Amino acid sequence: MEAFRSLSGDDNPIHFDPDYARLRGFAGPIVYGGLLVAEISRLLGTMMPGHGCVWQSLTLRFRKPLFVGHAARLEASVKHETPHLGIILVTFVIRSDEARIAEGEAMALLPPPRTGAAA
């Protein structure tokens, strides 16, 4: 959290001041949404649909806050693939315990096919 705060310059006290978070109606500080987006980017760029994928668009709807110190799980599935255009549509849900924290979808360019080693 502190590294993201420093890197992004986002010093909104909702993310680090428990009293301020409670004043705004939350049980405590909430995780930066940008950190959740970074996890989606890591998933798309390194694992699904494969290393080297480039995402073109992303929609993300926050349903509940993720509180600092709570674990979250990113679930993703391929909704549609158009191989001849090299495009994939991935839907995802972020959960903490069983609560749905966020949901959305991303469109991405598939990575180029891997070729064998050069002779």
C-alpha atoms as a PDB file:
ATOM      1  CA  MET A   1       0.000   0.000   0.000  1.00  0.00           C
ATOM      2  CA  GLU A   2       2.753   2.443   0.919  1.00  0.00           C
ATOM      3  CA  ALA A   3       4.698   1.692  -2.261  1.00  0.00           C
ATOM      4  CA  PHE A   4       1.591   2.272  -4.391  1.00  0.00           C
ATOM      5  CA  ARG A   5       0.847   5.480  -2.500  1.00  0.00           C
ATOM      6  CA  SER A   6       4.358   6.754  -3.188  1.00  0.00           C
ATOM      7  CA  LEU A   7       4.389   5.638  -6.823  1.00  0.00           C
ATOM      8  CA  SER A   8       0.921   6.932  -7.714  1.00  0.00           C
ATOM      9  CA  GLY A   9       0.877  10.062  -5.578  1.00  0.00           C
ATOM     10  CA  ASP A  10      -2.620   9.080  -4.403  1.00  0.00           C
ATOM     11  CA  ASP A  11      -2.603  10.212  -0.795  1.00  0.00           C
ATOM     12  CA  ASN A  12      -6.353   9.895  -0.227  1.00  0.00           C
ATOM     13  CA  PRO A  13      -6.628   9.184   3.518  1.00  0.00           C
ATOM     14  CA  ILE A  14      -9.348   6.577   2.869  1.00  0.00           C
ATOM     15  CA  HIS A  15      -6.455   4.208   2.102  1.00  0.00           C
ATOM     16  CA  PHE A  16      -4.335   4.713   5.221  1.00  0.00           C
ATOM     17  CA  ASP A  17      -6.187   6.646   7.947  1.00  0.00           C
ATOM     18  CA  PRO A  18      -8.562   4.411   9.970  1.00  0.00           C
ATOM     19  CA  ASP A  19     -10.360   7.385  11.543  1.00  0.00           C
ATOM     20  CA  TYR A  20     -10.974   8.997   8.161  1.00  0.00           C
ATOM     21  CA  ALA A  21     -12.173   5.686   6.695  1.00  0.00           C
ATOM     22  CA  ARG A  22     -14.668   5.265   9.558  1.00  0.00           C
ATOM     23  CA  LEU A  23     -15.824   8.872   9.092  1.00  0.00           C
ATOM     24  CA  ARG A  24     -16.625   7.948   5.468  1.00  0.00           C
ATOM     25  CA  GLY A  25     -18.632   4.891   6.583  1.00  0.00           C
ATOM     26  CA  PHE A  26     -16.042   2.141   6.142  1.00  0.00           C
ATOM     27  CA  ALA A  27     -14.798  -0.306   8.777  1.00  0.00           C
ATOM     28  CA  GLY A  28     -11.197   0.683   8.053  1.00  0.00           C
ATOM     29  CA  PRO A  29      -8.794   1.721   5.285  1.00  0.00           C
ATOM     30  CA  ILE A  30      -9.550   0.292   1.852  1.00  0.00           C
ATOM     31  CA  VAL A  31      -7.161  -1.112  -0.717  1.00  0.00           C
ATOM     32  CA  TYR A  32      -6.331   1.077  -3.717  1.00  0.00           C
ATOM     33  CA  GLY A  33      -8.442   0.149  -6.731  1.00  0.00           C
ATOM     34  CA  GLY A  34      -5.283   0.589  -8.800  1.00  0.00           C
ATOM     35  CA  LEU A  35      -3.759  -2.403  -7.025  1.00  0.00           C
ATOM     36  CA  LEU A  36      -6.690  -4.534  -8.136  1.00  0.00           C
ATOM     37  CA  VAL A  37      -6.244  -3.280 -11.711  1.00  0.00           C
ATOM     38  CA  ALA A  38      -2.536  -4.166 -11.470  1.00  0.00           C
ATOM     39  CA  GLU A  39      -3.452  -7.732 -10.528  1.00  0.00           C
ATOM     40  CA  ILE A  40      -5.736  -7.966 -13.577  1.00  0.00           C
ATOM     41  CA  SER A  41      -2.914  -6.598 -15.741  1.00  0.00           C
ATOM     42  CA  ARG A  42      -0.525  -9.222 -14.334  1.00  0.00           C
ATOM     43  CA  LEU A  43      -3.031 -11.976 -15.084  1.00  0.00           C
ATOM     44  CA  LEU A  44      -3.570 -10.828 -18.675  1.00  0.00           C
ATOM     45  CA  GLY A  45       0.049 -10.025 -19.469  1.00  0.00           C
ATOM     46  CA  THR A  46       1.667 -13.107 -18.016  1.00  0.00           C
ATOM     47  CA  MET A  47      -0.806 -15.973 -17.601  1.00  0.00           C
ATOM     48  CA  MET A  48      -4.114 -15.643 -19.413  1.00  0.00           C
ATOM     49  CA  PRO A  49      -4.287 -15.856 -22.344  1.00  0.00           C
ATOM     50  CA  GLY A  50      -0.498 -16.030 -22.300  1.00  0.00           C
ATOM     51  CA  HIS A  51       2.751 -14.234 -21.745  1.00  0.00           C
ATOM     52  CA  GLY A  52       2.958 -11.185 -23.978  1.00  0.00           C
ATOM     53  CA  CYS A  53      -0.764 -10.511 -24.226  1.00  0.00           C
ATOM     54  CA  VAL A  54      -1.656  -6.805 -24.535  1.00  0.00           C
ATOM     55  CA  TRP A  55      -4.965  -5.615 -23.121  1.00  0.00           C
ATOM     56  CA  GLN A  56      -6.938  -3.063 -25.102  1.00  0.00           C
ATOM     57  CA  SER A  57      -9.799  -2.257 -22.760  1.00  0.00           C
ATOM     58  CA  LEU A  58     -10.883  -2.900 -19.219  1.00  0.00           C
ATOM     59  CA  THR A  59     -14.106  -2.283 -17.338  1.00  0.00           C
ATOM     60  CA  LEU A  60     -14.181  -2.639 -13.585  1.00  0.00           C
ATOM     61  CA  ARG A  61     -17.163  -2.161 -11.295  1.00  0.00           C
ATOM     62  CA  PHE A  62     -16.508  -1.978  -7.581  1.00  0.00           C
ATOM     63  CA  ARG A  63     -19.305  -3.541  -5.547  1.00  0.00           C
ATOM     64  CA  LYS A  64     -17.743  -3.547  -2.071  1.00  0.00           C
ATOM     65  CA  PRO A  65     -14.488  -2.293  -0.616  1.00  0.00           C
ATOM     66  CA  LEU A  66     -11.514  -4.556  -0.042  1.00  0.00           C
ATOM     67  CA  PHE A  67     -10.164  -3.693   3.377  1.00  0.00           C
ATOM     68  CA  VAL A  68      -6.443  -3.473   4.034  1.00  0.00           C
ATOM     69  CA  GLY A  69      -5.191  -6.753   5.470  1.00  0.00           C
ATOM     70  CA  HIS A  70      -7.926  -8.873   3.860  1.00  0.00           C
ATOM     71  CA  ALA A  71      -7.104 -11.415   1.177  1.00  0.00           C
ATOM     72  CA  ALA A  72      -8.706 -11.313  -2.265  1.00  0.00           C
ATOM     73  CA  ARG A  73      -9.012 -13.864  -5.071  1.00  0.00           C
ATOM     74  CA  LEU A  74      -9.182 -13.022  -8.788  1.00  0.00           C
ATOM     75  CA  GLU A  75     -11.319 -15.416 -10.849  1.00  0.00           C
ATOM     76  CA  ALA A  76     -11.247 -15.139 -14.631  1.00  0.00           C
ATOM     77  CA  SER A  77     -12.745 -16.952 -17.591  1.00  0.00           C
ATOM     78  CA  VAL A  78     -12.665 -16.602 -21.342  1.00  0.00           C
ATOM     79  CA  LYS A  79     -16.017 -15.317 -22.536  1.00  0.00           C
ATOM     80  CA  HIS A  80     -15.167 -15.103 -26.227  1.00  0.00           C
ATOM     81  CA  GLU A  81     -12.176 -15.704 -28.481  1.00  0.00           C
ATOM     82  CA  THR A  82     -11.706 -14.605 -32.082  1.00  0.00           C
ATOM     83  CA  PRO A  83      -8.483 -16.346 -33.128  1.00  0.00           C
ATOM     84  CA  HIS A  84      -8.379 -14.999 -36.706  1.00  0.00           C
ATOM     85  CA  LEU A  85      -8.389 -11.443 -35.286  1.00  0.00           C
ATOM     86  CA  GLY A  86      -6.183 -12.369 -32.338  1.00  0.00           C
ATOM     87  CA  ILE A  87      -8.693 -11.008 -29.791  1.00  0.00           C
ATOM     88  CA  ILE A  88      -9.959 -12.473 -26.552  1.00  0.00           C
ATOM     89  CA  LEU A  89     -12.630 -11.277 -24.117  1.00  0.00           C
ATOM     90  CA  VAL A  90     -12.037 -12.221 -20.486  1.00  0.00           C
ATOM     91  CA  THR A  91     -14.543 -11.749 -17.677  1.00  0.00           C
ATOM     92  CA  PHE A  92     -13.432 -11.613 -14.067  1.00  0.00           C
ATOM     93  CA  VAL A  93     -14.625 -11.388 -10.499  1.00  0.00           C
ATOM     94  CA  ILE A  94     -12.597 -10.348  -7.465  1.00  0.00           C
ATOM     95  CA  ARG A  95     -13.750 -11.893  -4.180  1.00  0.00           C
ATOM     96  CA  SER A  96     -12.771 -11.517  -0.556  1.00  0.00           C
ATOM     97  CA  ASP A  97     -14.050 -14.482   1.422  1.00  0.00           C
ATOM     98  CA  GLU A  98     -17.302 -14.986  -0.479  1.00  0.00           C
ATOM     99  CA  ALA A  99     -18.087 -11.283  -0.953  1.00  0.00           C
ATOM    100  CA  ARG A 100     -17.943 -10.016  -4.534  1.00  0.00           C
ATOM    101  CA  ILE A 101     -15.592  -7.019  -4.390  1.00  0.00           C
ATOM    102  CA  ALA A 102     -15.431  -6.145  -8.079  1.00  0.00           C
ATOM    103  CA  GLU A 103     -16.320  -7.503 -11.492  1.00  0.00           C
ATOM    104  CA  GLY A 104     -15.659  -6.629 -15.078  1.00  0.00           C
ATOM    105  CA  GLU A 105     -14.185  -7.653 -18.378  1.00  0.00           C
ATOM    106  CA  ALA A 106     -11.154  -7.015 -20.513  1.00  0.00           C
ATOM    107  CA  MET A 107     -10.458  -7.272 -24.217  1.00  0.00           C
ATOM    108  CA  ALA A 108      -6.945  -8.235 -25.152  1.00  0.00           C
ATOM    109  CA  LEU A 109      -4.712  -9.040 -28.105  1.00  0.00           C
ATOM    110  CA  LEU A 110      -3.544 -12.624 -27.999  1.00  0.00           C
ATOM    111  CA  PRO A 111       0.204 -13.142 -27.817  1.00  0.00           C
ATOM    112  CA  PRO A 112       1.893 -14.153 -31.066  1.00  0.00           C
ATOM    113  CA  PRO A 113       2.335 -17.883 -31.565  1.00  0.00           C
ATOM    114  CA  ARG A 114       5.608 -19.189 -30.189  1.00  0.00           C
ATOM    115  CA  THR A 115       7.998 -20.589 -32.742  1.00  0.00           C
ATOM    116  CA  GLY A 116      10.779 -23.094 -32.281  1.00  0.00           C
ATOM    117  CA  ALA A 117      14.345 -22.038 -31.576  1.00  0.00           C
ATOM    118  CA  ALA A 118      16.230 -20.519 -34.495  1.00  0.00           C
ATOM    119  CA  ALA A 119      18.594 -22.895 -36.275  1.00  0.00           C
END
